[in-house]
Amino acid sequence: MALGKGRLEAFSDGVIAIIITIMVLEMKVPHGETLEALKPLIPVFLSYLLSFVYVGIYWNNHHHTLQAVRSVNGKILWANLHLLFWLSLIPFVTGWMGETHLTQWPVFFYGVVLIMNGIAYRILAFCLIKHHGENSLIAQAFGSDFKGKISVVLYAVAILCTWLNPVISVVIYVVVAGTWFIPDKRFERLLES
């Protein structure tokens, strides 16, 4: 049974807004009036900045994806909830990674959450394509989804790199975010034609 997509969009937007709010509330005000008091907050802020970019990327791509679909079904609703579950863990791993100044286990679990977000988004895309058909606008927009596939591979590499040096992993996370930061024109081109 096909359902309207409006409630899914509104709910997802609300959850993502809450995720961003929770992340910023994790940054505590320094106990001092000098610039030196801000120094311990640098890793926390950098973790927040990276996660804000990631959540923004997912929101942006989610918005574009849903513009290319007409309706949703129960499987899509569950796939979307699966994605929102993994997105909702970003504030936790962000805070942990920032508070511990990029140590091994927090960086490892940050990567686990990122890879699970990537997989969850691919599941959502698969459900949307299955619902609308292989020749649909959404299927054309995703195409082979090379960038999505390579992102998951890079997350896996980054997770393994935490055993060598967690900073290498963070650099890989930044590189992946950088590749997605530039807006993906696949959807816009198809929607304009």
N, C-alpha and C. Protein backbone atom coordinates (compact mmCIF):
# COMPACT_ATOMS: atom_id res chain seq x y z
N MET A 1 0.84 -1.18 0.00
CA MET A 1 0.00 0.00 0.00
C MET A 1 0.89 1.25 0.00
N ALA A 2 0.61 2.16 -0.90
CA ALA A 2 1.39 3.40 -1.01
C ALA A 2 0.83 4.45 -0.05
N LEU A 3 1.73 5.15 0.61
CA LEU A 3 1.38 6.20 1.56
C LEU A 3 2.02 7.51 1.11
N GLY A 4 1.45 8.62 1.56
CA GLY A 4 2.07 9.91 1.28
C GLY A 4 3.41 10.03 1.98
N LYS A 5 4.29 10.82 1.42
CA LYS A 5 5.64 10.95 1.99
C LYS A 5 5.78 12.12 2.97
N GLY A 6 4.76 12.94 3.08
CA GLY A 6 4.84 14.16 3.89
C GLY A 6 5.17 13.93 5.36
N ARG A 7 4.51 12.95 5.96
CA ARG A 7 4.75 12.69 7.39
C ARG A 7 6.15 12.16 7.62
N LEU A 8 6.64 11.31 6.71
CA LEU A 8 8.00 10.78 6.82
C LEU A 8 9.00 11.93 6.75
N GLU A 9 8.80 12.86 5.82
CA GLU A 9 9.70 14.01 5.70
C GLU A 9 9.67 14.87 6.96
N ALA A 10 8.48 15.18 7.43
CA ALA A 10 8.35 16.05 8.61
C ALA A 10 8.95 15.40 9.85
N PHE A 11 8.66 14.12 10.05
CA PHE A 11 9.21 13.41 11.20
C PHE A 11 10.74 13.37 11.15
N SER A 12 11.27 13.05 9.97
CA SER A 12 12.72 12.96 9.81
C SER A 12 13.38 14.31 10.06
N ASP A 13 12.80 15.38 9.52
CA ASP A 13 13.33 16.72 9.75
C ASP A 13 13.34 17.06 11.24
N GLY A 14 12.28 16.69 11.94
CA GLY A 14 12.21 16.96 13.38
C GLY A 14 13.26 16.20 14.16
N VAL A 15 13.44 14.92 13.83
CA VAL A 15 14.44 14.11 14.52
C VAL A 15 15.84 14.66 14.26
N ILE A 16 16.11 15.03 13.03
CA ILE A 16 17.44 15.57 12.70
C ILE A 16 17.68 16.90 13.42
N ALA A 17 16.66 17.73 13.53
CA ALA A 17 16.80 18.98 14.27
C ALA A 17 17.11 18.71 15.75
N ILE A 18 16.48 17.71 16.31
CA ILE A 18 16.74 17.35 17.71
C ILE A 18 18.16 16.82 17.86
N ILE A 19 18.63 16.03 16.91
CA ILE A 19 19.99 15.49 16.96
C ILE A 19 21.01 16.63 17.00
N ILE A 20 20.82 17.63 16.15
CA ILE A 20 21.73 18.77 16.14
C ILE A 20 21.66 19.53 17.46
N THR A 21 20.47 19.69 17.99
CA THR A 21 20.30 20.39 19.27
C THR A 21 21.01 19.65 20.39
N ILE A 22 20.86 18.34 20.44
CA ILE A 22 21.52 17.55 21.48
C ILE A 22 23.04 17.69 21.36
N MET A 23 23.55 17.68 20.14
CA MET A 23 25.00 17.79 19.96
C MET A 23 25.53 19.11 20.50
N VAL A 24 24.84 20.20 20.20
CA VAL A 24 25.34 21.50 20.65
C VAL A 24 25.21 21.64 22.16
N LEU A 25 24.21 21.01 22.75
CA LEU A 25 24.04 21.08 24.21
C LEU A 25 25.13 20.31 24.95
N GLU A 26 25.80 19.39 24.25
CA GLU A 26 26.90 18.64 24.86
C GLU A 26 28.15 19.50 25.06
N MET A 27 28.22 20.62 24.33
CA MET A 27 29.38 21.51 24.50
C MET A 27 29.13 22.38 25.72
N LYS A 28 29.96 22.20 26.72
CA LYS A 28 29.80 22.91 27.98
C LYS A 28 30.52 24.25 27.93
N VAL A 29 29.97 25.21 28.63
CA VAL A 29 30.58 26.54 28.73
C VAL A 29 31.86 26.42 29.56
N PRO A 30 32.94 27.05 29.11
CA PRO A 30 34.19 26.95 29.88
C PRO A 30 34.08 27.67 31.23
N HIS A 31 34.86 27.19 32.18
CA HIS A 31 34.88 27.80 33.52
C HIS A 31 36.08 28.72 33.62
N GLY A 32 35.99 29.81 32.95
CA GLY A 32 37.06 30.80 32.96
C GLY A 32 36.76 31.87 31.96
N GLU A 33 37.46 32.97 32.09
CA GLU A 33 37.17 34.11 31.24
C GLU A 33 38.26 34.37 30.20
N THR A 34 39.30 33.57 30.19
CA THR A 34 40.39 33.78 29.25
C THR A 34 40.25 32.85 28.05
N LEU A 35 41.00 33.17 27.02
CA LEU A 35 41.02 32.29 25.85
C LEU A 35 41.60 30.93 26.20
N GLU A 36 42.47 30.89 27.20
CA GLU A 36 43.07 29.63 27.66
C GLU A 36 41.99 28.66 28.14
N ALA A 37 40.88 29.19 28.66
CA ALA A 37 39.78 28.34 29.14
C ALA A 37 39.10 27.60 27.99
N LEU A 38 39.24 28.13 26.78
CA LEU A 38 38.63 27.48 25.61
C LEU A 38 39.46 26.32 25.08
N LYS A 39 40.73 26.29 25.42
CA LYS A 39 41.65 25.29 24.87
C LYS A 39 41.17 23.85 25.06
N PRO A 40 40.71 23.46 26.24
CA PRO A 40 40.25 22.07 26.40
C PRO A 40 39.01 21.73 25.56
N LEU A 41 38.30 22.78 25.10
CA LEU A 41 37.10 22.54 24.31
C LEU A 41 37.37 22.37 22.82
N ILE A 42 38.60 22.56 22.39
CA ILE A 42 38.92 22.45 20.96
C ILE A 42 38.56 21.08 20.39
N PRO A 43 38.98 19.96 21.03
CA PRO A 43 38.58 18.65 20.47
C PRO A 43 37.06 18.44 20.49
N VAL A 44 36.40 18.96 21.51
CA VAL A 44 34.94 18.84 21.59
C VAL A 44 34.30 19.60 20.45
N PHE A 45 34.77 20.83 20.21
CA PHE A 45 34.22 21.64 19.13
C PHE A 45 34.50 21.02 17.77
N LEU A 46 35.72 20.52 17.55
CA LEU A 46 36.05 19.90 16.26
C LEU A 46 35.22 18.65 16.01
N SER A 47 34.98 17.87 17.06
CA SER A 47 34.11 16.69 16.94
C SER A 47 32.69 17.11 16.58
N TYR A 48 32.23 18.17 17.25
CA TYR A 48 30.90 18.71 16.97
C TYR A 48 30.81 19.19 15.52
N LEU A 49 31.82 19.92 15.07
CA LEU A 49 31.83 20.46 13.71
C LEU A 49 31.75 19.33 12.69
N LEU A 50 32.57 18.29 12.86
CA LEU A 50 32.54 17.15 11.94
C LEU A 50 31.17 16.49 11.95
N SER A 51 30.62 16.28 13.12
CA SER A 51 29.31 15.62 13.22
C SER A 51 28.20 16.50 12.67
N PHE A 52 28.29 17.80 12.90
CA PHE A 52 27.29 18.72 12.34
C PHE A 52 27.30 18.61 10.82
N VAL A 53 28.49 18.57 10.23
CA VAL A 53 28.60 18.43 8.78
C VAL A 53 27.97 17.11 8.33
N TYR A 54 28.27 16.02 9.06
CA TYR A 54 27.69 14.73 8.68
C TYR A 54 26.17 14.74 8.78
N VAL A 55 25.63 15.25 9.85
CA VAL A 55 24.17 15.29 10.00
C VAL A 55 23.57 16.19 8.91
N GLY A 56 24.24 17.29 8.62
CA GLY A 56 23.78 18.17 7.54
C GLY A 56 23.79 17.48 6.19
N ILE A 57 24.82 16.70 5.94
CA ILE A 57 24.90 15.95 4.68
C ILE A 57 23.74 14.96 4.58
N TYR A 58 23.48 14.23 5.67
CA TYR A 58 22.38 13.27 5.64
C TYR A 58 21.04 13.99 5.46
N TRP A 59 20.85 15.12 6.13
CA TRP A 59 19.60 15.86 5.97
C TRP A 59 19.44 16.32 4.54
N ASN A 60 20.50 16.90 3.98
CA ASN A 60 20.46 17.40 2.61
C ASN A 60 20.15 16.28 1.62
N ASN A 61 20.87 15.16 1.74
CA ASN A 61 20.65 14.04 0.82
C ASN A 61 19.28 13.41 1.02
N HIS A 62 18.83 13.32 2.26
CA HIS A 62 17.50 12.78 2.55
C HIS A 62 16.43 13.65 1.88
N HIS A 63 16.59 14.96 2.00
CA HIS A 63 15.65 15.89 1.39
C HIS A 63 15.61 15.71 -0.13
N HIS A 64 16.79 15.65 -0.76
CA HIS A 64 16.86 15.47 -2.20
C HIS A 64 16.26 14.11 -2.61
N THR A 65 16.58 13.09 -1.86
CA THR A 65 16.06 11.76 -2.17
C THR A 65 14.54 11.75 -2.16
N LEU A 66 13.95 12.34 -1.14
CA LEU A 66 12.49 12.30 -1.03
C LEU A 66 11.80 13.18 -2.07
N GLN A 67 12.52 14.12 -2.67
CA GLN A 67 11.94 14.92 -3.74
C GLN A 67 11.76 14.07 -5.00
N ALA A 68 12.50 12.99 -5.09
CA ALA A 68 12.45 12.14 -6.28
C ALA A 68 11.47 10.98 -6.14
N VAL A 69 10.71 10.93 -5.04
CA VAL A 69 9.75 9.85 -4.87
C VAL A 69 8.33 10.40 -4.75
N ARG A 70 7.37 9.57 -5.11
CA ARG A 70 5.97 9.97 -5.05
C ARG A 70 5.30 9.52 -3.76
N SER A 71 5.70 8.33 -3.29
CA SER A 71 5.02 7.75 -2.14
C SER A 71 5.99 6.85 -1.38
N VAL A 72 5.54 6.37 -0.24
CA VAL A 72 6.32 5.46 0.58
C VAL A 72 5.43 4.28 0.98
N ASN A 73 6.04 3.27 1.59
CA ASN A 73 5.27 2.15 2.11
C ASN A 73 5.83 1.78 3.48
N GLY A 74 5.31 0.74 4.08
CA GLY A 74 5.74 0.33 5.41
C GLY A 74 7.22 -0.01 5.49
N LYS A 75 7.74 -0.69 4.48
CA LYS A 75 9.16 -1.04 4.48
C LYS A 75 10.03 0.21 4.45
N ILE A 76 9.61 1.18 3.68
CA ILE A 76 10.36 2.45 3.60
C ILE A 76 10.31 3.17 4.93
N LEU A 77 9.15 3.16 5.58
CA LEU A 77 9.05 3.79 6.91
C LEU A 77 10.02 3.15 7.89
N TRP A 78 10.09 1.82 7.89
CA TRP A 78 11.02 1.13 8.79
C TRP A 78 12.48 1.38 8.40
N ALA A 79 12.76 1.40 7.11
CA ALA A 79 14.13 1.70 6.66
C ALA A 79 14.53 3.10 7.08
N ASN A 80 13.59 4.04 7.01
CA ASN A 80 13.87 5.41 7.42
C ASN A 80 14.11 5.48 8.94
N LEU A 81 13.31 4.75 9.70
CA LEU A 81 13.52 4.70 11.16
C LEU A 81 14.88 4.08 11.49
N HIS A 82 15.29 3.09 10.72
CA HIS A 82 16.59 2.48 10.90
C HIS A 82 17.69 3.52 10.70
N LEU A 83 17.58 4.33 9.65
CA LEU A 83 18.53 5.42 9.43
C LEU A 83 18.50 6.41 10.58
N LEU A 84 17.33 6.80 11.01
CA LEU A 84 17.21 7.78 12.10
C LEU A 84 17.80 7.23 13.41
N PHE A 85 17.68 5.93 13.62
CA PHE A 85 18.29 5.32 14.81
C PHE A 85 19.79 5.56 14.81
N TRP A 86 20.44 5.24 13.70
CA TRP A 86 21.89 5.40 13.64
C TRP A 86 22.30 6.87 13.67
N LEU A 87 21.51 7.73 13.04
CA LEU A 87 21.79 9.16 13.13
C LEU A 87 21.68 9.65 14.58
N SER A 88 20.71 9.09 15.32
CA SER A 88 20.51 9.54 16.70
C SER A 88 21.66 9.16 17.63
N LEU A 89 22.52 8.24 17.20
CA LEU A 89 23.69 7.87 18.01
C LEU A 89 24.88 8.80 17.78
N ILE A 90 24.79 9.64 16.76
CA ILE A 90 25.90 10.56 16.47
C ILE A 90 26.21 11.48 17.65
N PRO A 91 25.23 12.07 18.33
CA PRO A 91 25.59 12.92 19.48
C PRO A 91 26.38 12.18 20.57
N PHE A 92 26.02 10.94 20.82
CA PHE A 92 26.72 10.16 21.85
C PHE A 92 28.19 9.95 21.48
N VAL A 93 28.44 9.43 20.27
CA VAL A 93 29.82 9.16 19.89
C VAL A 93 30.61 10.44 19.66
N THR A 94 29.91 11.50 19.26
CA THR A 94 30.57 12.81 19.09
C THR A 94 31.07 13.31 20.43
N GLY A 95 30.20 13.28 21.42
CA GLY A 95 30.59 13.73 22.77
C GLY A 95 31.72 12.90 23.34
N TRP A 96 31.63 11.59 23.16
CA TRP A 96 32.66 10.69 23.69
C TRP A 96 34.00 10.94 23.02
N MET A 97 33.97 11.10 21.69
CA MET A 97 35.20 11.32 20.95
C MET A 97 35.83 12.66 21.34
N GLY A 98 35.03 13.69 21.48
CA GLY A 98 35.55 15.01 21.84
C GLY A 98 36.08 15.07 23.26
N GLU A 99 35.36 14.47 24.18
CA GLU A 99 35.76 14.49 25.60
C GLU A 99 37.05 13.72 25.84
N THR A 100 37.29 12.70 25.06
CA THR A 100 38.49 11.86 25.27
C THR A 100 39.63 12.26 24.35
N HIS A 101 39.45 13.35 23.62
CA HIS A 101 40.50 13.90 22.75
C HIS A 101 40.97 12.89 21.70
N LEU A 102 40.00 12.29 21.01
CA LEU A 102 40.25 11.42 19.86
C LEU A 102 41.05 10.17 20.21
N THR A 103 40.65 9.49 21.27
CA THR A 103 41.32 8.24 21.64
C THR A 103 40.71 7.07 20.87
N GLN A 104 41.35 5.92 20.98
CA GLN A 104 41.06 4.77 20.13
C GLN A 104 39.61 4.30 20.14
N TRP A 105 39.07 3.93 21.28
CA TRP A 105 37.72 3.35 21.30
C TRP A 105 36.64 4.34 20.88
N PRO A 106 36.67 5.58 21.35
CA PRO A 106 35.65 6.52 20.87
C PRO A 106 35.71 6.75 19.35
N VAL A 107 36.92 6.86 18.80
CA VAL A 107 37.07 7.05 17.36
C VAL A 107 36.60 5.80 16.61
N PHE A 108 36.89 4.62 17.17
CA PHE A 108 36.43 3.36 16.60
C PHE A 108 34.90 3.35 16.53
N PHE A 109 34.25 3.65 17.65
CA PHE A 109 32.79 3.60 17.67
C PHE A 109 32.15 4.72 16.86
N TYR A 110 32.83 5.85 16.74
CA TYR A 110 32.37 6.91 15.85
C TYR A 110 32.30 6.35 14.42
N GLY A 111 33.34 5.62 14.03
CA GLY A 111 33.36 4.99 12.71
C GLY A 111 32.27 3.95 12.55
N VAL A 112 32.03 3.17 13.60
CA VAL A 112 30.95 2.17 13.53
C VAL A 112 29.62 2.85 13.28
N VAL A 113 29.37 3.96 13.98
CA VAL A 113 28.11 4.69 13.78
C VAL A 113 28.06 5.27 12.36
N LEU A 114 29.18 5.79 11.86
CA LEU A 114 29.20 6.32 10.49
C LEU A 114 28.94 5.23 9.46
N ILE A 115 29.59 4.09 9.61
CA ILE A 115 29.38 3.02 8.62
C ILE A 115 27.94 2.50 8.68
N MET A 116 27.38 2.43 9.87
CA MET A 116 25.99 1.97 9.99
C MET A 116 25.03 2.99 9.39
N ASN A 117 25.34 4.29 9.50
CA ASN A 117 24.53 5.31 8.83
C ASN A 117 24.61 5.13 7.32
N GLY A 118 25.82 4.89 6.81
CA GLY A 118 25.97 4.67 5.38
C GLY A 118 25.20 3.46 4.89
N ILE A 119 25.26 2.37 5.65
CA ILE A 119 24.52 1.15 5.29
C ILE A 119 23.02 1.40 5.38
N ALA A 120 22.60 2.08 6.43
CA ALA A 120 21.17 2.37 6.60
C ALA A 120 20.63 3.23 5.46
N TYR A 121 21.44 4.18 5.01
CA TYR A 121 21.00 5.03 3.89
C TYR A 121 20.88 4.20 2.61
N ARG A 122 21.81 3.27 2.42
CA ARG A 122 21.75 2.40 1.25
C ARG A 122 20.52 1.49 1.31
N ILE A 123 20.16 1.02 2.50
CA ILE A 123 18.95 0.21 2.66
C ILE A 123 17.72 1.03 2.31
N LEU A 124 17.68 2.28 2.79
CA LEU A 124 16.56 3.17 2.48
C LEU A 124 16.47 3.37 0.96
N ALA A 125 17.60 3.62 0.32
CA ALA A 125 17.61 3.81 -1.13
C ALA A 125 17.11 2.55 -1.84
N PHE A 126 17.56 1.39 -1.40
CA PHE A 126 17.12 0.13 -1.99
C PHE A 126 15.59 -0.02 -1.88
N CYS A 127 15.05 0.28 -0.70
CA CYS A 127 13.59 0.17 -0.50
C CYS A 127 12.83 1.15 -1.38
N LEU A 128 13.36 2.36 -1.51
CA LEU A 128 12.70 3.36 -2.36
C LEU A 128 12.73 2.93 -3.82
N ILE A 129 13.86 2.41 -4.27
CA ILE A 129 13.98 1.96 -5.66
C ILE A 129 13.06 0.76 -5.92
N LYS A 130 13.02 -0.16 -4.97
CA LYS A 130 12.15 -1.33 -5.13
C LYS A 130 10.67 -0.91 -5.21
N HIS A 131 10.30 0.07 -4.39
CA HIS A 131 8.91 0.56 -4.36
C HIS A 131 8.54 1.28 -5.66
N HIS A 132 9.46 2.05 -6.22
CA HIS A 132 9.16 2.86 -7.40
C HIS A 132 9.58 2.22 -8.72
N GLY A 133 10.41 1.18 -8.66
CA GLY A 133 10.80 0.48 -9.88
C GLY A 133 12.19 0.84 -10.36
N GLU A 134 12.79 -0.10 -11.09
CA GLU A 134 14.17 0.06 -11.58
C GLU A 134 14.32 1.17 -12.62
N ASN A 135 13.23 1.57 -13.25
CA ASN A 135 13.29 2.64 -14.25
C ASN A 135 12.79 3.97 -13.72
N SER A 136 12.58 4.05 -12.42
CA SER A 136 12.03 5.26 -11.81
C SER A 136 13.07 6.37 -11.72
N LEU A 137 12.58 7.54 -11.42
CA LEU A 137 13.44 8.71 -11.22
C LEU A 137 14.44 8.46 -10.09
N ILE A 138 13.97 7.86 -9.01
CA ILE A 138 14.86 7.59 -7.86
C ILE A 138 15.95 6.60 -8.24
N ALA A 139 15.63 5.60 -9.03
CA ALA A 139 16.64 4.62 -9.47
C ALA A 139 17.67 5.30 -10.38
N GLN A 140 17.20 6.16 -11.26
CA GLN A 140 18.12 6.89 -12.13
C GLN A 140 19.03 7.82 -11.32
N ALA A 141 18.46 8.47 -10.32
CA ALA A 141 19.23 9.41 -9.50
C ALA A 141 20.34 8.69 -8.74
N PHE A 142 20.03 7.55 -8.16
CA PHE A 142 21.05 6.82 -7.42
C PHE A 142 22.06 6.17 -8.35
N GLY A 143 21.61 5.71 -9.50
CA GLY A 143 22.52 5.06 -10.45
C GLY A 143 23.30 3.96 -9.77
N SER A 144 24.59 3.90 -10.00
CA SER A 144 25.43 2.87 -9.37
C SER A 144 25.81 3.26 -7.95
N ASP A 145 25.59 4.51 -7.57
CA ASP A 145 25.89 5.05 -6.24
C ASP A 145 27.33 4.76 -5.81
N PHE A 146 28.26 5.04 -6.71
CA PHE A 146 29.67 4.79 -6.43
C PHE A 146 30.13 5.52 -5.17
N LYS A 147 29.72 6.76 -5.03
CA LYS A 147 30.14 7.56 -3.87
C LYS A 147 29.64 6.94 -2.56
N GLY A 148 28.42 6.44 -2.56
CA GLY A 148 27.88 5.78 -1.38
C GLY A 148 28.64 4.50 -1.04
N LYS A 149 28.95 3.72 -2.06
CA LYS A 149 29.67 2.46 -1.84
C LYS A 149 31.09 2.72 -1.34
N ILE A 150 31.79 3.65 -1.97
CA ILE A 150 33.17 3.92 -1.57
C ILE A 150 33.22 4.54 -0.17
N SER A 151 32.20 5.28 0.20
CA SER A 151 32.15 5.86 1.55
C SER A 151 32.12 4.75 2.60
N VAL A 152 31.29 3.74 2.38
CA VAL A 152 31.21 2.62 3.33
C VAL A 152 32.55 1.90 3.42
N VAL A 153 33.21 1.72 2.28
CA VAL A 153 34.53 1.08 2.28
C VAL A 153 35.54 1.93 3.06
N LEU A 154 35.51 3.23 2.84
CA LEU A 154 36.44 4.12 3.56
C LEU A 154 36.17 4.13 5.06
N TYR A 155 34.91 4.07 5.45
CA TYR A 155 34.60 3.97 6.89
C TYR A 155 35.20 2.70 7.47
N ALA A 156 35.10 1.60 6.73
CA ALA A 156 35.67 0.33 7.21
C ALA A 156 37.18 0.45 7.35
N VAL A 157 37.83 1.07 6.38
CA VAL A 157 39.28 1.29 6.46
C VAL A 157 39.61 2.16 7.68
N ALA A 158 38.84 3.21 7.87
CA ALA A 158 39.08 4.10 9.01
C ALA A 158 38.91 3.37 10.34
N ILE A 159 37.92 2.52 10.43
CA ILE A 159 37.70 1.74 11.66
C ILE A 159 38.92 0.87 11.94
N LEU A 160 39.44 0.22 10.91
CA LEU A 160 40.64 -0.60 11.08
C LEU A 160 41.85 0.25 11.47
N CYS A 161 41.92 1.46 10.94
CA CYS A 161 43.06 2.34 11.23
C CYS A 161 43.09 2.82 12.69
N THR A 162 41.98 2.69 13.40
CA THR A 162 42.00 3.13 14.81
C THR A 162 43.02 2.34 15.60
N TRP A 163 43.35 1.12 15.15
CA TRP A 163 44.34 0.31 15.85
C TRP A 163 45.76 0.79 15.58
N LEU A 164 45.96 1.52 14.46
CA LEU A 164 47.26 2.10 14.15
C LEU A 164 47.40 3.46 14.82
N ASN A 165 46.44 4.34 14.48
CA ASN A 165 46.45 5.69 15.02
C ASN A 165 45.07 6.30 14.80
N PRO A 166 44.34 6.64 15.85
CA PRO A 166 42.99 7.18 15.70
C PRO A 166 42.93 8.46 14.86
N VAL A 167 44.01 9.22 14.84
CA VAL A 167 44.02 10.46 14.06
C VAL A 167 43.89 10.15 12.57
N ILE A 168 44.50 9.05 12.11
CA ILE A 168 44.36 8.63 10.71
C ILE A 168 42.88 8.38 10.40
N SER A 169 42.19 7.73 11.32
CA SER A 169 40.76 7.46 11.14
C SER A 169 39.97 8.75 11.02
N VAL A 170 40.27 9.71 11.89
CA VAL A 170 39.55 10.98 11.85
C VAL A 170 39.80 11.69 10.53
N VAL A 171 41.03 11.63 10.04
CA VAL A 171 41.34 12.24 8.74
C VAL A 171 40.49 11.59 7.64
N ILE A 172 40.35 10.28 7.69
CA ILE A 172 39.52 9.58 6.69
C ILE A 172 38.06 10.02 6.83
N TYR A 173 37.57 10.15 8.06
CA TYR A 173 36.19 10.62 8.26
C TYR A 173 36.01 12.01 7.66
N VAL A 174 37.00 12.87 7.83
CA VAL A 174 36.94 14.23 7.29
C VAL A 174 36.95 14.18 5.76
N VAL A 175 37.78 13.32 5.18
CA VAL A 175 37.85 13.19 3.72
C VAL A 175 36.51 12.74 3.16
N VAL A 176 35.90 11.74 3.78
CA VAL A 176 34.59 11.27 3.30
C VAL A 176 33.56 12.39 3.40
N ALA A 177 33.54 13.09 4.53
CA ALA A 177 32.60 14.21 4.68
C ALA A 177 32.86 15.25 3.60
N GLY A 178 34.13 15.50 3.29
CA GLY A 178 34.47 16.47 2.26
C GLY A 178 33.94 16.10 0.89
N THR A 179 33.94 14.80 0.59
CA THR A 179 33.42 14.37 -0.72
C THR A 179 31.91 14.56 -0.82
N TRP A 180 31.22 14.48 0.31
CA TRP A 180 29.76 14.66 0.32
C TRP A 180 29.36 16.10 0.57
N PHE A 181 30.28 16.92 1.07
CA PHE A 181 29.97 18.31 1.39
C PHE A 181 29.59 19.09 0.13
N ILE A 182 30.25 18.76 -0.96
CA ILE A 182 29.91 19.37 -2.24
C ILE A 182 28.57 18.76 -2.66
N PRO A 183 27.54 19.57 -2.84
CA PRO A 183 26.21 19.02 -3.12
C PRO A 183 26.20 18.09 -4.33
N ASP A 184 25.47 17.00 -4.18
CA ASP A 184 25.32 15.99 -5.22
C ASP A 184 24.25 16.47 -6.20
N LYS A 185 24.62 16.66 -7.43
CA LYS A 185 23.72 17.23 -8.43
C LYS A 185 22.86 16.19 -9.14
N ARG A 186 23.04 14.89 -8.82
CA ARG A 186 22.27 13.86 -9.54
C ARG A 186 20.77 14.10 -9.45
N PHE A 187 20.31 14.37 -8.24
CA PHE A 187 18.87 14.53 -8.03
C PHE A 187 18.37 15.82 -8.67
N GLU A 188 19.11 16.92 -8.48
CA GLU A 188 18.66 18.19 -9.02
C GLU A 188 18.57 18.17 -10.54
N ARG A 189 19.56 17.54 -11.19
CA ARG A 189 19.53 17.45 -12.65
C ARG A 189 18.29 16.68 -13.12
N LEU A 190 17.99 15.56 -12.48
CA LEU A 190 16.85 14.76 -12.89
C LEU A 190 15.53 15.44 -12.58
N LEU A 191 15.45 16.13 -11.46
CA LEU A 191 14.21 16.79 -11.08
C LEU A 191 13.92 18.00 -11.96
N GLU A 192 14.96 18.62 -12.50
CA GLU A 192 14.78 19.79 -13.36
C GLU A 192 14.39 19.39 -14.78
N SER A 193 14.74 18.16 -15.19
CA SER A 193 14.44 17.75 -16.58
C SER A 193 13.02 17.26 -16.77
